[in-house]
Each structure stands twice: as C-alpha cells, then as structure tokens.
Amino acid sequence: MDKLEIEWAEWGNEMTNFGRDLHGGDQNITFIILTHVKLHIVLIDRVKNRLNRNIATVNEKQVDEICRNFDPTLKFAYSIGIIDSNTFGALKKFSRLRNDIAHKEGFKVTNKHIREILSAAPDSLKIQMMKLENPIDHLRNFIFNAYMELKKGLYMSNPLNKDGKTFYATLDDPYFCGIESEAYINKKITRMLPNVITEMPAHYSDYFDE
C-alpha cells in the first residue's frame, strides 16, 4: 500500500470508531458526551497542524493552554479559518447542550435543542434525511459529518492542482490556506489594487471610470 492508501485506511478506521461512539449507550446522553470529547481532540489537532504548517515558530505550550477547553479551541479554529461561521455556531450550540447534560441534574435533551443546533449548521454538513424520523438521528448525522470533515483535513489526501500537476496535501498546508493559496494571493492583489490605480498616470484612469 502506498502512503495515500494507508491514510485512507486510517481515516476509514477513525470514522468507524467514531460511528460506534455515535450509537453507544443512552441515545440522548452518552453519544453527546463521547463525541464532544473527540471533536475537541480533532479541533486541537487541526489548530496545531495549521499553525505548524504556516508559521515558523509556534509556542506549543501556549496553544495547549488556550485549547484546554472546547469553546476556546472552537473559537481558535474559527478565527484561523478551519471552520466556517455556520459550523462554528452549530458546534457552539452542541457544546452548550453537552455542558447542560454534564452539569444540570436530570437534564433532558428535547427536539427543540436539536432543532437549534441543526438550524445553525451549514447545508454541506446536513445530508438529505427524508427517511430519518427520529430527530436525534439528524443530530448524529450532523456531528458525524462535522467530525469527518475536520479529520479529513489532517490527511495528505486532498487533491490540489498546481502548475498543471496534481499533488496531495492536508487542508492546512500553505497551498490551501496560507501564503501560497489562491485566496491569499487574491486578497493581496485586492489590497494592492487601490494603490496601483492611484499611482497610474492620469490618462490610464479612463479605464477605471466604471
């Protein structure tokens, strides 16, 4: 097996194990506690991976301190572009639900709690679930997809086209999210453009009247 095949096999095993956690124990409590822990771990892994692949010097101890709890880790991941605003909002609500379960005696998960989480989630992480009647299964599906996308970003199995060639990298590599990425280059050009136009000779300004 080559490295790519090995990584896909590892990723498949991770998803299988995570799926077991989703369906273990009391349907309204145990899977929320278990998957919350695993989501926290993968968020930490993604934060460290992105920092170490784009910044020369990273203070690992400070990162560990910041990421000790779930919510600051989630904010950190959002602030450096690992997750979008909708995923951030949905996982924040999921974390609040987990904390209520852990700290409020006799707390019960209701359909309202689930709807609040799912209403914030991005469509890309919600499959068509016409056959799923139990709302808790909708929540399981969202959490599984969120974990899957976060975990997949760690592997060197994401295709990238560069100079007419295809190679594979993690989603945290500079070509995807750093100074080599198309998004960064476009942002840099956009920032420079007003200055370039200002410095042009007067007769060139006619091209930019619109």
Protein backbone atom coordinates (compact mmCIF):
# COMPACT_ATOMS: atom_id res chain seq x y z
CA MET A 1 0.00 0.00 0.00
CA ASP A 2 1.26 3.49 -0.79
CA LYS A 3 1.05 6.38 1.67
CA LEU A 4 -2.24 7.64 0.26
CA GLU A 5 -3.88 4.23 0.59
CA ILE A 6 -2.60 3.90 4.16
CA GLU A 7 -4.04 7.29 5.07
CA TRP A 8 -7.41 6.43 3.56
CA ALA A 9 -7.43 3.18 5.56
CA GLU A 10 -6.61 5.08 8.77
CA TRP A 11 -9.32 7.62 8.03
CA GLY A 12 -11.82 4.80 7.44
CA ASN A 13 -10.95 3.25 10.79
CA GLU A 14 -11.36 6.62 12.52
CA MET A 15 -14.82 7.03 11.03
CA THR A 16 -15.80 3.51 12.08
CA ASN A 17 -14.71 4.14 15.66
CA PHE A 18 -16.47 7.49 15.74
CA GLY A 19 -19.62 5.83 14.41
CA ARG A 20 -19.56 3.42 17.34
CA ASP A 21 -19.44 6.35 19.75
CA LEU A 22 -22.42 7.90 17.99
CA HIS A 23 -24.55 4.84 18.66
CA GLY A 24 -23.28 3.83 22.10
CA GLY A 25 -25.27 3.90 25.32
CA ASP A 26 -28.24 6.14 26.05
CA GLN A 27 -29.23 7.75 22.73
CA ASN A 28 -29.74 11.19 24.25
CA ILE A 29 -26.70 11.46 26.51
CA THR A 30 -23.74 9.11 26.03
CA PHE A 31 -23.03 9.83 22.37
CA ILE A 32 -23.13 13.60 23.00
CA ILE A 33 -20.53 13.32 25.78
CA LEU A 34 -18.27 10.96 23.82
CA THR A 35 -18.38 12.81 20.51
CA HIS A 36 -17.85 16.17 22.23
CA VAL A 37 -14.52 14.85 23.53
CA LYS A 38 -13.46 13.58 20.11
CA LEU A 39 -14.49 16.81 18.39
CA HIS A 40 -12.35 18.71 20.88
CA ILE A 41 -9.34 16.50 20.12
CA VAL A 42 -9.65 16.83 16.35
CA LEU A 43 -10.10 20.61 16.63
CA ILE A 44 -6.85 20.80 18.62
CA ASP A 45 -5.11 18.66 16.01
CA ARG A 46 -6.31 20.91 13.19
CA VAL A 47 -5.30 24.11 15.01
CA LYS A 48 -1.79 22.77 15.67
CA ASN A 49 -1.47 21.39 12.16
CA ARG A 50 -2.44 24.70 10.58
CA LEU A 51 -0.13 26.74 12.80
CA ASN A 52 2.87 24.45 12.37
CA ARG A 53 2.50 24.30 8.58
CA ASN A 54 2.21 28.07 8.15
CA ILE A 55 4.16 29.70 10.98
CA ALA A 56 7.86 29.21 11.60
CA THR A 57 7.74 29.46 15.39
CA VAL A 58 4.76 28.14 17.36
CA ASN A 59 4.65 28.14 21.16
CA GLU A 60 3.08 24.71 21.70
CA LYS A 61 2.62 25.24 25.45
CA GLN A 62 0.60 28.39 24.87
CA VAL A 63 -1.50 26.66 22.25
CA ASP A 64 -2.18 23.83 24.71
CA GLU A 65 -3.16 26.37 27.35
CA ILE A 66 -5.57 28.16 25.01
CA CYS A 67 -7.06 24.89 23.77
CA ARG A 68 -7.55 23.31 27.19
CA ASN A 69 -11.33 23.64 26.90
CA PHE A 70 -13.66 23.07 23.98
CA ASP A 71 -15.11 26.57 23.47
CA PRO A 72 -11.78 28.47 23.23
CA THR A 73 -10.49 25.77 20.86
CA LEU A 74 -13.59 26.17 18.72
CA LYS A 75 -13.09 29.96 18.61
CA PHE A 76 -9.42 29.49 17.71
CA ALA A 77 -10.30 27.12 14.87
CA TYR A 78 -12.88 29.57 13.57
CA SER A 79 -10.50 32.54 13.82
CA ILE A 80 -7.90 30.86 11.57
CA GLY A 81 -10.39 29.60 9.00
CA ILE A 82 -10.59 25.89 9.85
CA ILE A 83 -14.37 26.07 10.19
CA ASP A 84 -16.91 28.50 8.76
CA SER A 85 -19.35 30.66 10.72
CA ASN A 86 -22.26 28.22 10.43
CA THR A 87 -20.23 25.25 11.66
CA PHE A 88 -18.90 27.41 14.47
CA GLY A 89 -22.41 28.41 15.51
CA ALA A 90 -23.77 24.87 15.39
CA LEU A 91 -20.86 23.34 17.32
CA LYS A 92 -21.10 26.12 19.89
CA LYS A 93 -24.74 25.18 20.48
CA PHE A 94 -23.76 21.50 20.60
CA SER A 95 -21.15 22.31 23.25
CA ARG A 96 -23.72 24.20 25.28
CA LEU A 97 -26.01 21.15 25.12
CA ARG A 98 -23.17 18.89 26.31
CA ASN A 99 -22.46 21.23 29.23
CA ASP A 100 -26.11 21.25 30.26
CA ILE A 101 -26.11 17.44 30.25
CA ALA A 102 -22.93 17.32 32.33
CA HIS A 103 -23.81 19.97 34.88
CA LYS A 104 -27.61 20.04 35.23
CA GLU A 105 -29.04 17.12 37.16
CA GLY A 106 -31.96 15.47 35.41
CA PHE A 107 -31.43 17.46 32.20
CA LYS A 108 -33.33 16.05 29.21
CA VAL A 109 -32.46 16.55 25.55
CA THR A 110 -35.52 17.73 23.63
CA ASN A 111 -36.31 18.13 19.95
CA LYS A 112 -36.05 21.90 20.48
CA HIS A 113 -32.39 21.55 21.50
CA ILE A 114 -31.70 19.50 18.39
CA ARG A 115 -33.50 21.91 16.07
CA GLU A 116 -31.46 24.83 17.44
CA ILE A 117 -28.22 23.05 16.59
CA LEU A 118 -29.31 21.90 13.15
CA SER A 119 -30.77 25.28 12.19
CA ALA A 120 -27.31 26.80 12.62
CA ALA A 121 -25.44 24.03 10.76
CA PRO A 122 -24.30 24.55 7.14
CA ASP A 123 -26.17 22.63 4.44
CA SER A 124 -22.91 20.95 3.41
CA LEU A 125 -22.90 19.04 6.72
CA LYS A 126 -26.56 18.00 6.57
CA ILE A 127 -27.42 15.18 4.17
CA GLN A 128 -30.95 14.63 2.91
CA MET A 129 -32.55 12.64 5.74
CA MET A 130 -36.06 12.05 4.44
CA LYS A 131 -36.15 8.53 5.92
CA LEU A 132 -34.91 9.56 9.38
CA GLU A 133 -37.87 10.17 11.63
CA ASN A 134 -36.02 10.47 14.94
CA PRO A 135 -34.55 13.99 15.39
CA ILE A 136 -31.65 12.55 17.40
CA ASP A 137 -30.54 10.72 14.24
CA HIS A 138 -30.38 14.07 12.43
CA LEU A 139 -28.07 15.33 15.17
CA ARG A 140 -25.93 12.21 14.89
CA ASN A 141 -25.63 12.77 11.17
CA PHE A 142 -24.50 16.38 11.57
CA ILE A 143 -21.93 15.52 14.24
CA PHE A 144 -20.57 12.66 12.15
CA ASN A 145 -20.19 14.87 9.08
CA ALA A 146 -18.56 17.68 11.09
CA TYR A 147 -16.05 15.26 12.59
CA MET A 148 -15.42 13.63 9.22
CA GLU A 149 -14.62 16.94 7.53
CA LEU A 150 -12.32 18.06 10.35
CA LYS A 151 -10.47 14.75 10.42
CA LYS A 152 -10.13 14.53 6.65
CA GLY A 153 -8.29 17.85 6.62
CA LEU A 154 -5.39 16.31 8.57
CA TYR A 155 -4.52 13.74 5.93
CA MET A 156 -2.27 14.18 2.91
CA SER A 157 -5.11 13.03 0.67
CA ASN A 158 -6.68 16.27 -0.50
CA PRO A 159 -6.00 16.84 -4.22
CA LEU A 160 -4.55 20.16 -5.32
CA ASN A 161 -3.82 21.32 -8.87
CA LYS A 162 -0.69 23.44 -9.17
CA ASP A 163 1.08 24.41 -12.41
CA GLY A 164 -0.83 21.76 -14.33
CA LYS A 165 0.07 18.99 -11.90
CA THR A 166 -1.96 17.28 -9.20
CA PHE A 167 -0.49 16.55 -5.80
CA TYR A 168 -1.92 15.83 -2.38
CA ALA A 169 -1.70 17.82 0.84
CA THR A 170 -3.51 18.46 4.10
CA LEU A 171 -6.11 21.24 4.09
CA ASP A 172 -3.81 23.15 6.46
CA ASP A 173 -0.91 23.37 4.01
CA PRO A 174 0.07 26.82 2.65
CA TYR A 175 -1.24 25.89 -0.82
CA PHE A 176 -4.75 25.51 0.63
CA CYS A 177 -4.92 28.18 3.31
CA GLY A 178 -1.60 30.05 3.57
CA ILE A 179 0.52 32.42 1.53
CA GLU A 180 0.61 30.04 -1.45
CA SER A 181 -3.18 29.75 -1.66
CA GLU A 182 -5.29 31.37 -4.37
CA ALA A 183 -7.43 33.06 -1.70
CA TYR A 184 -4.39 34.72 -0.11
CA ILE A 185 -2.96 35.82 -3.45
CA ASN A 186 -6.32 37.31 -4.49
CA LYS A 187 -6.61 39.13 -1.16
CA LYS A 188 -3.12 40.51 -1.55
CA ILE A 189 -3.90 41.74 -5.06
CA THR A 190 -7.13 43.35 -3.84
CA ARG A 191 -5.28 45.21 -1.10
CA MET A 192 -2.63 46.45 -3.53
CA LEU A 193 -5.02 47.45 -6.32
CA PRO A 194 -6.21 50.84 -4.95
CA ASN A 195 -2.59 51.95 -4.55
CA VAL A 196 -1.71 50.77 -8.05
CA ILE A 197 -4.62 52.70 -9.55
CA THR A 198 -3.71 55.85 -7.57
CA GLU A 199 -0.14 55.72 -8.83
CA MET A 200 -1.08 55.29 -12.51
CA PRO A 201 -0.61 58.16 -14.95
CA ALA A 202 -3.73 60.29 -15.37
CA HIS A 203 -4.60 59.02 -18.86
CA TYR A 204 -4.82 55.41 -17.57
CA SER A 205 -7.60 56.33 -15.13
CA ASP A 206 -10.10 56.31 -18.03
CA TYR A 207 -10.04 52.52 -17.95
CA PHE A 208 -11.37 52.50 -14.38
CA ASP A 209 -14.18 55.04 -14.63
CA GLU A 210 -16.87 52.39 -14.18
